[in-house]
Amino acid sequence: MAVNSVSLTPPTGASTLKSPLEAVSGPSFSDVLANTVNNAMESQQTAATLTRMAAEGQDVPVSTIVQAISQAELTLQTLITVRDRAVEAYQQIQQMPI
């Protein structure tokens, strides 16, 4: 029975990664976080603008105001939860023995 030799070089046409980070594609964590914060701020501003318009006597449906405020609250709660989880993960890493 014949045994073929083993080659340590990758086959022709195979992609070779120089670092593990090259395998990851898409936006960075900081980009996602910045986008989320911007969305939270926009939803807060929208809710505040609609509330101000209604207080000034402009014709704004109450359901639209309630939806905007609910969306702003949900976005803010989500952002706070992500922050709390990130702080918790950091604290767990700090407690790991070296």
N, C-alpha and C. Protein backbone atom coordinates (compact mmCIF):
# COMPACT_ATOMS: atom_id res chain seq x y z
N MET A 1 0.84 -1.16 0.00
CA MET A 1 0.00 0.00 0.00
C MET A 1 0.90 1.24 0.00
N ALA A 2 0.62 2.19 -0.88
CA ALA A 2 1.42 3.40 -1.02
C ALA A 2 0.86 4.50 -0.13
N VAL A 3 1.75 5.25 0.52
CA VAL A 3 1.37 6.36 1.38
C VAL A 3 1.86 7.65 0.74
N ASN A 4 0.94 8.57 0.55
CA ASN A 4 1.31 9.87 -0.03
C ASN A 4 1.99 10.74 1.03
N SER A 5 2.87 11.59 0.58
CA SER A 5 3.55 12.47 1.53
C SER A 5 2.61 13.58 1.99
N VAL A 6 2.87 14.09 3.19
CA VAL A 6 2.05 15.14 3.77
C VAL A 6 2.75 16.47 3.55
N SER A 7 2.02 17.43 3.05
CA SER A 7 2.57 18.74 2.80
C SER A 7 2.04 19.73 3.83
N LEU A 8 2.89 20.57 4.38
CA LEU A 8 2.48 21.55 5.36
C LEU A 8 2.08 22.88 4.74
N THR A 9 2.19 23.01 3.46
CA THR A 9 1.77 24.23 2.79
C THR A 9 0.32 24.11 2.38
N PRO A 10 -0.42 25.20 2.43
CA PRO A 10 -1.83 25.12 2.05
C PRO A 10 -1.96 24.85 0.56
N PRO A 11 -3.05 24.21 0.18
CA PRO A 11 -3.27 23.94 -1.24
C PRO A 11 -3.37 25.23 -2.04
N THR A 12 -3.11 25.15 -3.30
CA THR A 12 -3.18 26.32 -4.18
C THR A 12 -4.60 26.86 -4.19
N GLY A 13 -4.72 28.18 -4.05
CA GLY A 13 -6.03 28.81 -4.06
C GLY A 13 -6.66 28.90 -2.68
N ALA A 14 -6.06 28.28 -1.65
CA ALA A 14 -6.62 28.36 -0.31
C ALA A 14 -6.28 29.72 0.30
N SER A 15 -7.20 30.26 1.05
CA SER A 15 -6.94 31.56 1.67
C SER A 15 -6.14 31.34 2.94
N THR A 16 -5.19 32.18 3.16
CA THR A 16 -4.39 32.11 4.38
C THR A 16 -4.65 33.37 5.18
N LEU A 17 -5.00 33.20 6.44
CA LEU A 17 -5.27 34.33 7.32
C LEU A 17 -3.99 34.70 8.04
N LYS A 18 -3.71 35.98 8.09
CA LYS A 18 -2.53 36.45 8.79
C LYS A 18 -2.81 36.61 10.27
N SER A 19 -4.04 36.92 10.63
CA SER A 19 -4.40 37.06 12.03
C SER A 19 -5.87 36.65 12.18
N PRO A 20 -6.29 36.31 13.41
CA PRO A 20 -7.70 35.93 13.61
C PRO A 20 -8.67 37.06 13.30
N LEU A 21 -8.23 38.30 13.38
CA LEU A 21 -9.12 39.43 13.11
C LEU A 21 -9.52 39.54 11.65
N GLU A 22 -8.73 38.95 10.76
CA GLU A 22 -9.07 39.02 9.34
C GLU A 22 -10.30 38.20 9.01
N ALA A 23 -10.62 37.21 9.85
CA ALA A 23 -11.78 36.36 9.60
C ALA A 23 -13.08 37.09 9.92
N VAL A 24 -13.01 38.13 10.72
CA VAL A 24 -14.19 38.86 11.14
C VAL A 24 -14.48 39.98 10.13
N SER A 25 -15.71 40.03 9.69
CA SER A 25 -16.10 41.10 8.78
C SER A 25 -17.29 41.83 9.37
N GLY A 26 -17.50 43.03 8.94
CA GLY A 26 -18.63 43.80 9.43
C GLY A 26 -18.15 44.94 10.31
N PRO A 27 -19.12 45.66 10.90
CA PRO A 27 -18.75 46.82 11.72
C PRO A 27 -18.09 46.40 13.02
N SER A 28 -17.25 47.27 13.55
CA SER A 28 -16.58 46.99 14.81
C SER A 28 -17.55 47.20 15.97
N PHE A 29 -17.15 46.72 17.14
CA PHE A 29 -17.98 46.86 18.33
C PHE A 29 -18.22 48.34 18.64
N SER A 30 -17.17 49.15 18.51
CA SER A 30 -17.33 50.58 18.80
C SER A 30 -18.29 51.24 17.81
N ASP A 31 -18.28 50.80 16.55
CA ASP A 31 -19.22 51.35 15.56
C ASP A 31 -20.66 50.99 15.92
N VAL A 32 -20.87 49.75 16.32
CA VAL A 32 -22.21 49.29 16.71
C VAL A 32 -22.68 50.05 17.94
N LEU A 33 -21.77 50.22 18.91
CA LEU A 33 -22.12 50.92 20.13
C LEU A 33 -22.45 52.39 19.85
N ALA A 34 -21.65 53.03 19.02
CA ALA A 34 -21.90 54.44 18.67
C ALA A 34 -23.23 54.57 17.93
N ASN A 35 -23.52 53.65 17.03
CA ASN A 35 -24.78 53.68 16.29
C ASN A 35 -25.97 53.50 17.24
N THR A 36 -25.83 52.61 18.21
CA THR A 36 -26.90 52.38 19.17
C THR A 36 -27.14 53.61 20.03
N VAL A 37 -26.08 54.26 20.47
CA VAL A 37 -26.21 55.47 21.27
C VAL A 37 -26.87 56.57 20.44
N ASN A 38 -26.46 56.70 19.19
CA ASN A 38 -27.07 57.71 18.31
C ASN A 38 -28.56 57.45 18.11
N ASN A 39 -28.93 56.17 17.92
CA ASN A 39 -30.35 55.83 17.77
C ASN A 39 -31.13 56.15 19.02
N ALA A 40 -30.53 55.90 20.18
CA ALA A 40 -31.20 56.20 21.45
C ALA A 40 -31.41 57.71 21.58
N MET A 41 -30.40 58.48 21.23
CA MET A 41 -30.53 59.94 21.31
C MET A 41 -31.58 60.45 20.34
N GLU A 42 -31.61 59.90 19.13
CA GLU A 42 -32.61 60.33 18.14
C GLU A 42 -34.02 60.01 18.61
N SER A 43 -34.23 58.84 19.19
CA SER A 43 -35.57 58.49 19.65
C SER A 43 -35.99 59.36 20.82
N GLN A 44 -35.04 59.73 21.70
CA GLN A 44 -35.35 60.65 22.79
C GLN A 44 -35.71 62.03 22.26
N GLN A 45 -34.97 62.49 21.27
CA GLN A 45 -35.24 63.81 20.68
C GLN A 45 -36.58 63.84 19.95
N THR A 46 -36.90 62.75 19.26
CA THR A 46 -38.19 62.66 18.57
C THR A 46 -39.34 62.72 19.56
N ALA A 47 -39.22 61.97 20.65
CA ALA A 47 -40.27 61.98 21.67
C ALA A 47 -40.40 63.36 22.29
N ALA A 48 -39.28 64.01 22.56
CA ALA A 48 -39.32 65.34 23.16
C ALA A 48 -39.93 66.36 22.20
N THR A 49 -39.59 66.26 20.92
CA THR A 49 -40.12 67.18 19.92
C THR A 49 -41.63 67.02 19.79
N LEU A 50 -42.10 65.79 19.71
CA LEU A 50 -43.54 65.55 19.59
C LEU A 50 -44.28 66.02 20.83
N THR A 51 -43.70 65.80 21.99
CA THR A 51 -44.33 66.25 23.24
C THR A 51 -44.41 67.78 23.27
N ARG A 52 -43.32 68.44 22.86
CA ARG A 52 -43.31 69.91 22.83
C ARG A 52 -44.35 70.44 21.85
N MET A 53 -44.45 69.79 20.68
CA MET A 53 -45.42 70.23 19.68
C MET A 53 -46.84 70.12 20.22
N ALA A 54 -47.13 69.03 20.94
CA ALA A 54 -48.46 68.87 21.52
C ALA A 54 -48.71 69.90 22.61
N ALA A 55 -47.68 70.21 23.40
CA ALA A 55 -47.83 71.21 24.47
C ALA A 55 -48.05 72.61 23.90
N GLU A 56 -47.52 72.86 22.70
CA GLU A 56 -47.70 74.16 22.07
C GLU A 56 -49.05 74.28 21.37
N GLY A 57 -49.82 73.19 21.37
CA GLY A 57 -51.15 73.23 20.79
C GLY A 57 -51.23 72.76 19.35
N GLN A 58 -50.13 72.24 18.81
CA GLN A 58 -50.17 71.74 17.44
C GLN A 58 -50.93 70.42 17.41
N ASP A 59 -51.45 70.09 16.24
CA ASP A 59 -52.27 68.89 16.08
C ASP A 59 -51.37 67.67 15.89
N VAL A 60 -51.05 67.02 17.02
CA VAL A 60 -50.24 65.80 17.00
C VAL A 60 -51.07 64.70 17.66
N PRO A 61 -51.29 63.60 16.94
CA PRO A 61 -52.08 62.52 17.54
C PRO A 61 -51.42 61.98 18.82
N VAL A 62 -52.24 61.74 19.82
CA VAL A 62 -51.73 61.24 21.10
C VAL A 62 -51.07 59.87 20.91
N SER A 63 -51.61 59.07 20.02
CA SER A 63 -51.03 57.74 19.80
C SER A 63 -49.60 57.83 19.26
N THR A 64 -49.34 58.84 18.44
CA THR A 64 -47.99 59.04 17.91
C THR A 64 -47.03 59.44 19.02
N ILE A 65 -47.49 60.28 19.91
CA ILE A 65 -46.66 60.70 21.04
C ILE A 65 -46.36 59.51 21.95
N VAL A 66 -47.38 58.73 22.25
CA VAL A 66 -47.21 57.57 23.12
C VAL A 66 -46.25 56.57 22.49
N GLN A 67 -46.38 56.33 21.19
CA GLN A 67 -45.47 55.41 20.51
C GLN A 67 -44.04 55.92 20.56
N ALA A 68 -43.84 57.20 20.35
CA ALA A 68 -42.49 57.77 20.36
C ALA A 68 -41.87 57.68 21.75
N ILE A 69 -42.65 57.97 22.77
CA ILE A 69 -42.14 57.88 24.14
C ILE A 69 -41.84 56.43 24.50
N SER A 70 -42.71 55.51 24.12
CA SER A 70 -42.47 54.09 24.40
C SER A 70 -41.21 53.60 23.70
N GLN A 71 -41.02 54.01 22.45
CA GLN A 71 -39.83 53.62 21.70
C GLN A 71 -38.57 54.18 22.36
N ALA A 72 -38.64 55.42 22.80
CA ALA A 72 -37.49 56.04 23.47
C ALA A 72 -37.16 55.32 24.77
N GLU A 73 -38.18 54.98 25.54
CA GLU A 73 -37.96 54.25 26.79
C GLU A 73 -37.36 52.88 26.54
N LEU A 74 -37.88 52.18 25.55
CA LEU A 74 -37.37 50.84 25.23
C LEU A 74 -35.92 50.89 24.76
N THR A 75 -35.61 51.87 23.93
CA THR A 75 -34.24 52.02 23.44
C THR A 75 -33.30 52.33 24.59
N LEU A 76 -33.71 53.21 25.48
CA LEU A 76 -32.87 53.57 26.62
C LEU A 76 -32.68 52.39 27.56
N GLN A 77 -33.73 51.64 27.82
CA GLN A 77 -33.62 50.45 28.68
C GLN A 77 -32.69 49.42 28.08
N THR A 78 -32.76 49.24 26.76
CA THR A 78 -31.87 48.30 26.08
C THR A 78 -30.43 48.74 26.21
N LEU A 79 -30.19 50.02 26.02
CA LEU A 79 -28.84 50.56 26.13
C LEU A 79 -28.30 50.41 27.54
N ILE A 80 -29.11 50.65 28.53
CA ILE A 80 -28.70 50.49 29.93
C ILE A 80 -28.38 49.03 30.23
N THR A 81 -29.18 48.11 29.69
CA THR A 81 -28.93 46.69 29.90
C THR A 81 -27.61 46.26 29.27
N VAL A 82 -27.32 46.74 28.08
CA VAL A 82 -26.05 46.41 27.42
C VAL A 82 -24.89 46.97 28.25
N ARG A 83 -25.03 48.20 28.73
CA ARG A 83 -23.99 48.79 29.58
C ARG A 83 -23.76 47.97 30.84
N ASP A 84 -24.85 47.57 31.49
CA ASP A 84 -24.72 46.79 32.72
C ASP A 84 -24.04 45.45 32.46
N ARG A 85 -24.39 44.80 31.34
CA ARG A 85 -23.76 43.52 31.00
C ARG A 85 -22.27 43.70 30.70
N ALA A 86 -21.93 44.78 30.03
CA ALA A 86 -20.52 45.03 29.72
C ALA A 86 -19.72 45.29 30.99
N VAL A 87 -20.28 46.05 31.92
CA VAL A 87 -19.61 46.30 33.20
C VAL A 87 -19.47 45.01 33.99
N GLU A 88 -20.51 44.20 33.99
CA GLU A 88 -20.46 42.91 34.69
C GLU A 88 -19.39 42.00 34.10
N ALA A 89 -19.31 41.95 32.79
CA ALA A 89 -18.29 41.12 32.13
C ALA A 89 -16.89 41.62 32.48
N TYR A 90 -16.71 42.94 32.49
CA TYR A 90 -15.42 43.52 32.85
C TYR A 90 -15.05 43.16 34.28
N GLN A 91 -16.00 43.24 35.19
CA GLN A 91 -15.73 42.91 36.58
C GLN A 91 -15.37 41.43 36.74
N GLN A 92 -16.04 40.56 35.99
CA GLN A 92 -15.71 39.13 36.05
C GLN A 92 -14.31 38.88 35.52
N ILE A 93 -13.91 39.58 34.48
CA ILE A 93 -12.55 39.43 33.95
C ILE A 93 -11.54 39.91 34.98
N GLN A 94 -11.84 40.99 35.67
CA GLN A 94 -10.94 41.53 36.69
C GLN A 94 -10.77 40.55 37.87
N GLN A 95 -11.78 39.73 38.14
CA GLN A 95 -11.73 38.79 39.26
C GLN A 95 -11.05 37.48 38.90
N MET A 96 -10.75 37.27 37.62
CA MET A 96 -10.10 36.02 37.22
C MET A 96 -8.68 35.96 37.75
N PRO A 97 -8.30 34.79 38.26
CA PRO A 97 -6.92 34.66 38.73
C PRO A 97 -5.95 34.62 37.55
N ILE A 98 -4.78 35.15 37.78
CA ILE A 98 -3.77 35.18 36.71
C ILE A 98 -2.91 33.95 36.79
